[in-house]
Amino acid sequence: MTLPPAVADLREQVCGLHTELVRYGLVAWTAGNISGRVPGEDLFVIKPSGISYDDLTPASMVVCDLDGTLVDGELAPSSDTAAHAYVYRSRPDIGGVVHTHSPYATAWAARDEPIPCVLTAMADEFGGDIPVGPFALIGDDSIGQGIVATLAESRSPAVLMRNHGVFTVGKDAKAAVKAAVMCEDVARTVHLARSGGPLVPIDPGHIDSLYHRYQTVYGQR
């Protein structure tokens, strides 16, 4: 098929963003993946399966349709492709999906325990607790179903899939990567805080206020 011109740019972006997963210590060996939706198309770009981060190039990124079928590329797509595809089919507002096994956040997932909103940074970015999604086997769209169902009940762009790891979403791939970085950061801080004593929750009204400010006022507009 003839690919739209935006695919080449998205391959560059998605490939480059994988270096952020390594830089922030969110992945080990070949685990983890990023995808980005092609604007205006029923297509997305995703990391190929089992390829070293050092060997990733824009040309190695593969293109799939929203059923998860490979439409362009020489390599097999990520084993999580069906999950990404389900998210894109179900949520037209989502333009990027990230999956990691970052250690602190995944430790919460292994305990089937949400990360409680006890930091202003969590209120800002996640709008409350970071929720846990159900256990699901890899290979079909079961993980995607769990992601969509869990995030439908939350303002969080991150979900901890039980016994598995972290999935994050965003308006584009870069926003989803930011959410993955922030998820691991707060998972570590809350873990350290709890090791020193009881956690102090933030009042729900204050969470709402912090979330609104960060999402509508913070930064350059």
C-alpha atoms as a PDB file:
ATOM      1  CA  MET A   1       0.000   0.000   0.000  1.00  0.00           C
ATOM      2  CA  THR A   2       1.050   3.611  -0.467  1.00  0.00           C
ATOM      3  CA  LEU A   3       1.850   5.099   2.928  1.00  0.00           C
ATOM      4  CA  PRO A   4       0.997   8.688   3.818  1.00  0.00           C
ATOM      5  CA  PRO A   5       3.970  11.072   4.147  1.00  0.00           C
ATOM      6  CA  ALA A   6       3.414  11.369   7.919  1.00  0.00           C
ATOM      7  CA  VAL A   7       4.616   7.782   8.399  1.00  0.00           C
ATOM      8  CA  ALA A   8       8.258   8.659   7.716  1.00  0.00           C
ATOM      9  CA  ASP A   9       8.230  11.410  10.337  1.00  0.00           C
ATOM     10  CA  LEU A  10       6.467   9.170  12.853  1.00  0.00           C
ATOM     11  CA  ARG A  11       9.008   6.392  12.315  1.00  0.00           C
ATOM     12  CA  GLU A  12      11.749   8.914  13.193  1.00  0.00           C
ATOM     13  CA  GLN A  13       9.893  10.109  16.279  1.00  0.00           C
ATOM     14  CA  VAL A  14       8.949   6.683  17.636  1.00  0.00           C
ATOM     15  CA  CYS A  15      12.455   5.342  17.063  1.00  0.00           C
ATOM     16  CA  GLY A  16      14.025   8.327  18.844  1.00  0.00           C
ATOM     17  CA  LEU A  17      11.663   8.092  21.796  1.00  0.00           C
ATOM     18  CA  HIS A  18      12.856   4.559  22.559  1.00  0.00           C
ATOM     19  CA  THR A  19      16.161   6.078  23.678  1.00  0.00           C
ATOM     20  CA  GLU A  20      14.207   7.840  26.457  1.00  0.00           C
ATOM     21  CA  LEU A  21      13.071   4.492  27.843  1.00  0.00           C
ATOM     22  CA  VAL A  22      16.704   3.432  28.117  1.00  0.00           C
ATOM     23  CA  ARG A  23      17.859   6.818  29.464  1.00  0.00           C
ATOM     24  CA  TYR A  24      15.362   6.741  32.304  1.00  0.00           C
ATOM     25  CA  GLY A  25      15.954   3.069  33.166  1.00  0.00           C
ATOM     26  CA  LEU A  26      12.437   1.957  32.266  1.00  0.00           C
ATOM     27  CA  VAL A  27      13.409  -1.117  30.205  1.00  0.00           C
ATOM     28  CA  ALA A  28      15.839  -4.038  30.227  1.00  0.00           C
ATOM     29  CA  TRP A  29      17.283  -5.924  27.240  1.00  0.00           C
ATOM     30  CA  THR A  30      14.644  -5.845  24.458  1.00  0.00           C
ATOM     31  CA  ALA A  31      11.541  -5.514  26.660  1.00  0.00           C
ATOM     32  CA  GLY A  32       9.201  -2.553  26.292  1.00  0.00           C
ATOM     33  CA  ASN A  33       7.772  -0.737  23.300  1.00  0.00           C
ATOM     34  CA  ILE A  34       6.354   2.540  22.032  1.00  0.00           C
ATOM     35  CA  SER A  35       3.773   3.146  19.325  1.00  0.00           C
ATOM     36  CA  GLY A  36       2.327   6.237  17.722  1.00  0.00           C
ATOM     37  CA  ARG A  37      -0.878   6.677  15.750  1.00  0.00           C
ATOM     38  CA  VAL A  38      -0.499   8.068  12.234  1.00  0.00           C
ATOM     39  CA  PRO A  39      -2.550  11.297  12.253  1.00  0.00           C
ATOM     40  CA  GLY A  40      -5.757  11.001  10.278  1.00  0.00           C
ATOM     41  CA  GLU A  41      -5.156   7.357   9.358  1.00  0.00           C
ATOM     42  CA  ASP A  42      -6.156   3.954  10.721  1.00  0.00           C
ATOM     43  CA  LEU A  43      -2.480   3.094  11.116  1.00  0.00           C
ATOM     44  CA  PHE A  44       0.173   3.156  13.819  1.00  0.00           C
ATOM     45  CA  VAL A  45       3.947   2.788  13.994  1.00  0.00           C
ATOM     46  CA  ILE A  46       5.416   0.418  16.581  1.00  0.00           C
ATOM     47  CA  LYS A  47       8.730  -1.129  17.633  1.00  0.00           C
ATOM     48  CA  PRO A  48       9.572  -4.525  16.117  1.00  0.00           C
ATOM     49  CA  SER A  49       9.682  -7.572  18.383  1.00  0.00           C
ATOM     50  CA  GLY A  50      12.856  -8.671  20.145  1.00  0.00           C
ATOM     51  CA  ILE A  51      15.236  -6.126  18.601  1.00  0.00           C
ATOM     52  CA  SER A  52      17.984  -4.542  20.699  1.00  0.00           C
ATOM     53  CA  TYR A  53      17.497  -0.866  21.471  1.00  0.00           C
ATOM     54  CA  ASP A  54      20.971  -0.224  20.044  1.00  0.00           C
ATOM     55  CA  ASP A  55      19.842  -1.682  16.724  1.00  0.00           C
ATOM     56  CA  LEU A  56      16.621   0.285  16.326  1.00  0.00           C
ATOM     57  CA  THR A  57      16.439   2.624  13.333  1.00  0.00           C
ATOM     58  CA  PRO A  58      13.547   4.554  11.805  1.00  0.00           C
ATOM     59  CA  ALA A  59      13.494   2.036   8.956  1.00  0.00           C
ATOM     60  CA  SER A  60      13.117  -0.850  11.407  1.00  0.00           C
ATOM     61  CA  MET A  61       9.908   0.586  12.870  1.00  0.00           C
ATOM     62  CA  VAL A  62       6.894  -1.268  11.493  1.00  0.00           C
ATOM     63  CA  VAL A  63       3.461  -0.007  10.457  1.00  0.00           C
ATOM     64  CA  CYS A  64       0.256  -1.804  11.429  1.00  0.00           C
ATOM     65  CA  ASP A  65      -3.427  -1.188  10.877  1.00  0.00           C
ATOM     66  CA  LEU A  66      -5.900  -0.893  13.750  1.00  0.00           C
ATOM     67  CA  ASP A  67      -6.487  -4.643  13.681  1.00  0.00           C
ATOM     68  CA  GLY A  68      -2.785  -5.094  14.468  1.00  0.00           C
ATOM     69  CA  THR A  69      -1.979  -6.452  11.006  1.00  0.00           C
ATOM     70  CA  LEU A  70       1.447  -5.610   9.604  1.00  0.00           C
ATOM     71  CA  VAL A  71       1.104  -3.368   6.548  1.00  0.00           C
ATOM     72  CA  ASP A  72       4.687  -2.151   6.101  1.00  0.00           C
ATOM     73  CA  GLY A  73       8.076  -3.235   7.415  1.00  0.00           C
ATOM     74  CA  GLU A  74      10.588  -6.048   7.166  1.00  0.00           C
ATOM     75  CA  LEU A  75      10.353  -7.211  10.813  1.00  0.00           C
ATOM     76  CA  ALA A  76       7.660  -8.787  12.978  1.00  0.00           C
ATOM     77  CA  PRO A  77       5.849  -6.225  15.128  1.00  0.00           C
ATOM     78  CA  SER A  78       5.969  -6.155  18.913  1.00  0.00           C
ATOM     79  CA  SER A  79       4.276  -8.982  20.808  1.00  0.00           C
ATOM     80  CA  ASP A  80       2.091  -6.270  22.386  1.00  0.00           C
ATOM     81  CA  THR A  81       0.785  -5.031  19.013  1.00  0.00           C
ATOM     82  CA  ALA A  82      -2.715  -6.423  19.540  1.00  0.00           C
ATOM     83  CA  ALA A  83      -2.979  -4.525  22.841  1.00  0.00           C
ATOM     84  CA  HIS A  84      -1.870  -1.247  21.229  1.00  0.00           C
ATOM     85  CA  ALA A  85      -4.294  -1.790  18.344  1.00  0.00           C
ATOM     86  CA  TYR A  86      -7.226  -2.352  20.702  1.00  0.00           C
ATOM     87  CA  VAL A  87      -6.428   0.874  22.557  1.00  0.00           C
ATOM     88  CA  TYR A  88      -6.332   2.845  19.299  1.00  0.00           C
ATOM     89  CA  ARG A  89      -9.579   1.273  18.040  1.00  0.00           C
ATOM     90  CA  SER A  90     -11.350   2.016  21.298  1.00  0.00           C
ATOM     91  CA  ARG A  91      -9.948   5.456  22.059  1.00  0.00           C
ATOM     92  CA  PRO A  92      -9.680   7.801  19.046  1.00  0.00           C
ATOM     93  CA  ASP A  93      -8.327  10.490  21.399  1.00  0.00           C
ATOM     94  CA  ILE A  94      -5.192   8.461  22.104  1.00  0.00           C
ATOM     95  CA  GLY A  95      -2.225   9.001  19.789  1.00  0.00           C
ATOM     96  CA  GLY A  96       0.537   7.148  21.635  1.00  0.00           C
ATOM     97  CA  VAL A  97       0.954   4.018  23.773  1.00  0.00           C
ATOM     98  CA  VAL A  98       3.991   2.926  25.801  1.00  0.00           C
ATOM     99  CA  HIS A  99       4.726  -0.322  27.616  1.00  0.00           C
ATOM    100  CA  THR A 100       7.515  -0.829  30.163  1.00  0.00           C
ATOM    101  CA  HIS A 101       8.466  -3.136  33.017  1.00  0.00           C
ATOM    102  CA  SER A 102      10.010  -0.275  34.999  1.00  0.00           C
ATOM    103  CA  PRO A 103      11.003  -1.769  38.369  1.00  0.00           C
ATOM    104  CA  TYR A 104       9.276   0.312  41.021  1.00  0.00           C
ATOM    105  CA  ALA A 105       5.978   0.677  39.174  1.00  0.00           C
ATOM    106  CA  THR A 106       5.991  -2.996  38.207  1.00  0.00           C
ATOM    107  CA  ALA A 107       6.555  -3.916  41.865  1.00  0.00           C
ATOM    108  CA  TRP A 108       3.238  -2.221  42.667  1.00  0.00           C
ATOM    109  CA  ALA A 109       1.644  -4.190  39.796  1.00  0.00           C
ATOM    110  CA  ALA A 110       3.052  -7.434  41.216  1.00  0.00           C
ATOM    111  CA  ARG A 111       1.240  -6.674  44.495  1.00  0.00           C
ATOM    112  CA  ASP A 112      -2.003  -5.783  42.654  1.00  0.00           C
ATOM    113  CA  GLU A 113      -1.807  -2.432  44.447  1.00  0.00           C
ATOM    114  CA  PRO A 114      -2.633   1.008  43.043  1.00  0.00           C
ATOM    115  CA  ILE A 115      -0.114   3.760  43.719  1.00  0.00           C
ATOM    116  CA  PRO A 116      -1.929   6.143  46.089  1.00  0.00           C
ATOM    117  CA  CYS A 117      -2.022   9.837  45.276  1.00  0.00           C
ATOM    118  CA  VAL A 118       0.142  11.243  48.071  1.00  0.00           C
ATOM    119  CA  LEU A 119       2.283  13.638  46.007  1.00  0.00           C
ATOM    120  CA  THR A 120       1.320  16.874  44.283  1.00  0.00           C
ATOM    121  CA  ALA A 121       3.194  15.619  41.205  1.00  0.00           C
ATOM    122  CA  MET A 122       0.800  12.659  41.093  1.00  0.00           C
ATOM    123  CA  ALA A 123      -2.230  14.941  41.367  1.00  0.00           C
ATOM    124  CA  ASP A 124      -0.796  17.052  38.539  1.00  0.00           C
ATOM    125  CA  GLU A 125      -0.024  14.280  36.090  1.00  0.00           C
ATOM    126  CA  PHE A 126      -2.395  11.450  37.037  1.00  0.00           C
ATOM    127  CA  GLY A 127      -5.337  13.198  38.696  1.00  0.00           C
ATOM    128  CA  GLY A 128      -5.441  10.628  41.493  1.00  0.00           C
ATOM    129  CA  ASP A 129      -4.212   7.123  42.195  1.00  0.00           C
ATOM    130  CA  ILE A 130      -2.483   5.156  39.443  1.00  0.00           C
ATOM    131  CA  PRO A 131      -4.851   2.197  38.997  1.00  0.00           C
ATOM    132  CA  VAL A 132      -4.191  -1.506  38.554  1.00  0.00           C
ATOM    133  CA  GLY A 133      -5.690  -3.349  35.597  1.00  0.00           C
ATOM    134  CA  PRO A 134      -6.547  -7.060  35.445  1.00  0.00           C
ATOM    135  CA  PHE A 135      -4.158  -9.889  34.717  1.00  0.00           C
ATOM    136  CA  ALA A 136      -4.152 -10.825  31.033  1.00  0.00           C
ATOM    137  CA  LEU A 137      -2.056 -13.101  28.870  1.00  0.00           C
ATOM    138  CA  ILE A 138       0.128 -11.656  26.110  1.00  0.00           C
ATOM    139  CA  GLY A 139      -0.649 -12.315  22.456  1.00  0.00           C
ATOM    140  CA  ASP A 140      -4.204 -11.157  21.801  1.00  0.00           C
ATOM    141  CA  ASP A 141      -6.092  -7.987  22.656  1.00  0.00           C
ATOM    142  CA  SER A 142      -6.916  -9.027  26.257  1.00  0.00           C
ATOM    143  CA  ILE A 143      -4.346  -6.607  27.649  1.00  0.00           C
ATOM    144  CA  GLY A 144      -5.783  -3.818  25.514  1.00  0.00           C
ATOM    145  CA  GLN A 145      -9.252  -4.556  26.839  1.00  0.00           C
ATOM    146  CA  GLY A 146      -7.949  -4.326  30.397  1.00  0.00           C
ATOM    147  CA  ILE A 147      -6.173  -1.041  29.699  1.00  0.00           C
ATOM    148  CA  VAL A 148      -9.238   0.593  28.146  1.00  0.00           C
ATOM    149  CA  ALA A 149     -11.649  -0.641  30.834  1.00  0.00           C
ATOM    150  CA  THR A 150      -9.387   0.474  33.684  1.00  0.00           C
ATOM    151  CA  LEU A 151      -8.577   3.902  32.282  1.00  0.00           C
ATOM    152  CA  ALA A 152     -12.274   4.554  31.582  1.00  0.00           C
ATOM    153  CA  GLU A 153     -12.694   4.857  35.350  1.00  0.00           C
ATOM    154  CA  SER A 154      -9.651   7.093  35.905  1.00  0.00           C
ATOM    155  CA  ARG A 155      -7.998  10.349  34.831  1.00  0.00           C
ATOM    156  CA  SER A 156      -4.641   8.595  34.917  1.00  0.00           C
ATOM    157  CA  PRO A 157      -2.703   8.146  31.651  1.00  0.00           C
ATOM    158  CA  ALA A 158      -0.984   5.147  33.286  1.00  0.00           C
ATOM    159  CA  VAL A 159      -2.248   1.727  34.307  1.00  0.00           C
ATOM    160  CA  LEU A 160      -0.354  -0.996  36.154  1.00  0.00           C
ATOM    161  CA  MET A 161      -1.357  -4.300  34.580  1.00  0.00           C
ATOM    162  CA  ARG A 162      -1.344  -6.910  37.344  1.00  0.00           C
ATOM    163  CA  ASN A 163       1.707  -9.209  37.408  1.00  0.00           C
ATOM    164  CA  HIS A 164       2.958  -7.604  34.193  1.00  0.00           C
ATOM    165  CA  GLY A 165       3.999  -3.968  33.992  1.00  0.00           C
ATOM    166  CA  VAL A 166       3.095  -0.444  33.009  1.00  0.00           C
ATOM    167  CA  PHE A 167       1.084   0.827  30.048  1.00  0.00           C
ATOM    168  CA  THR A 168       0.728   4.553  29.446  1.00  0.00           C
ATOM    169  CA  VAL A 169      -1.211   6.568  26.892  1.00  0.00           C
ATOM    170  CA  GLY A 170      -1.150  10.127  25.618  1.00  0.00           C
ATOM    171  CA  LYS A 171      -2.259  12.500  22.897  1.00  0.00           C
ATOM    172  CA  ASP A 172       0.879  11.397  21.036  1.00  0.00           C
ATOM    173  CA  ALA A 173       3.838   9.075  21.592  1.00  0.00           C
ATOM    174  CA  LYS A 174       5.901  11.733  23.399  1.00  0.00           C
ATOM    175  CA  ALA A 175       3.112  12.387  25.914  1.00  0.00           C
ATOM    176  CA  ALA A 176       2.804   8.660  26.584  1.00  0.00           C
ATOM    177  CA  VAL A 177       6.563   8.435  27.190  1.00  0.00           C
ATOM    178  CA  LYS A 178       6.362  11.349  29.627  1.00  0.00           C
ATOM    179  CA  ALA A 179       3.628   9.512  31.534  1.00  0.00           C
ATOM    180  CA  ALA A 180       5.817   6.385  31.710  1.00  0.00           C
ATOM    181  CA  VAL A 181       8.751   8.391  33.081  1.00  0.00           C
ATOM    182  CA  MET A 182       6.555  10.119  35.656  1.00  0.00           C
ATOM    183  CA  CYS A 183       4.877   6.848  36.646  1.00  0.00           C
ATOM    184  CA  GLU A 184       8.190   5.246  37.560  1.00  0.00           C
ATOM    185  CA  ASP A 185       9.354   8.389  39.359  1.00  0.00           C
ATOM    186  CA  VAL A 186       6.332   8.574  41.649  1.00  0.00           C
ATOM    187  CA  ALA A 187       6.255   4.786  42.141  1.00  0.00           C
ATOM    188  CA  ARG A 188       9.787   4.991  43.529  1.00  0.00           C
ATOM    189  CA  THR A 189       9.099   8.016  45.728  1.00  0.00           C
ATOM    190  CA  VAL A 190       5.908   6.586  47.219  1.00  0.00           C
ATOM    191  CA  HIS A 191       7.680   3.277  47.876  1.00  0.00           C
ATOM    192  CA  LEU A 192      10.449   5.119  49.741  1.00  0.00           C
ATOM    193  CA  ALA A 193       7.927   7.205  51.647  1.00  0.00           C
ATOM    194  CA  ARG A 194       5.969   4.163  52.796  1.00  0.00           C
ATOM    195  CA  SER A 195       9.132   2.439  54.001  1.00  0.00           C
ATOM    196  CA  GLY A 196       9.547   5.314  56.476  1.00  0.00           C
ATOM    197  CA  GLY A 197       6.015   5.318  57.856  1.00  0.00           C
ATOM    198  CA  PRO A 198       2.343   5.834  57.014  1.00  0.00           C
ATOM    199  CA  LEU A 199       1.477   7.753  53.869  1.00  0.00           C
ATOM    200  CA  VAL A 200      -0.461  11.015  54.122  1.00  0.00           C
ATOM    201  CA  PRO A 201      -3.236  11.226  51.501  1.00  0.00           C
ATOM    202  CA  ILE A 202      -4.065  14.437  49.646  1.00  0.00           C
ATOM    203  CA  ASP A 203      -7.615  15.712  50.043  1.00  0.00           C
ATOM    204  CA  PRO A 204      -9.673  14.850  46.904  1.00  0.00           C
ATOM    205  CA  GLY A 205     -10.640  18.489  46.446  1.00  0.00           C
ATOM    206  CA  HIS A 206      -6.992  19.508  46.455  1.00  0.00           C
ATOM    207  CA  ILE A 207      -6.241  16.757  43.933  1.00  0.00           C
ATOM    208  CA  ASP A 208      -8.922  18.170  41.635  1.00  0.00           C
ATOM    209  CA  SER A 209      -7.515  21.691  41.990  1.00  0.00           C
ATOM    210  CA  LEU A 210      -3.926  20.599  41.342  1.00  0.00           C
ATOM    211  CA  TYR A 211      -4.945  18.508  38.335  1.00  0.00           C
ATOM    212  CA  HIS A 212      -6.951  21.343  36.796  1.00  0.00           C
ATOM    213  CA  ARG A 213      -4.111  23.845  37.259  1.00  0.00           C
ATOM    214  CA  TYR A 214      -1.476  21.552  35.789  1.00  0.00           C
ATOM    215  CA  GLN A 215      -3.599  20.483  32.826  1.00  0.00           C
ATOM    216  CA  THR A 216      -4.851  23.981  31.921  1.00  0.00           C
ATOM    217  CA  VAL A 217      -2.406  26.591  33.265  1.00  0.00           C
ATOM    218  CA  TYR A 218       1.064  25.088  33.786  1.00  0.00           C
ATOM    219  CA  GLY A 219       3.747  25.632  31.140  1.00  0.00           C
ATOM    220  CA  GLN A 220       3.705  27.703  27.974  1.00  0.00           C
ATOM    221  CA  ARG A 221       0.336  28.202  26.314  1.00  0.00           C
END
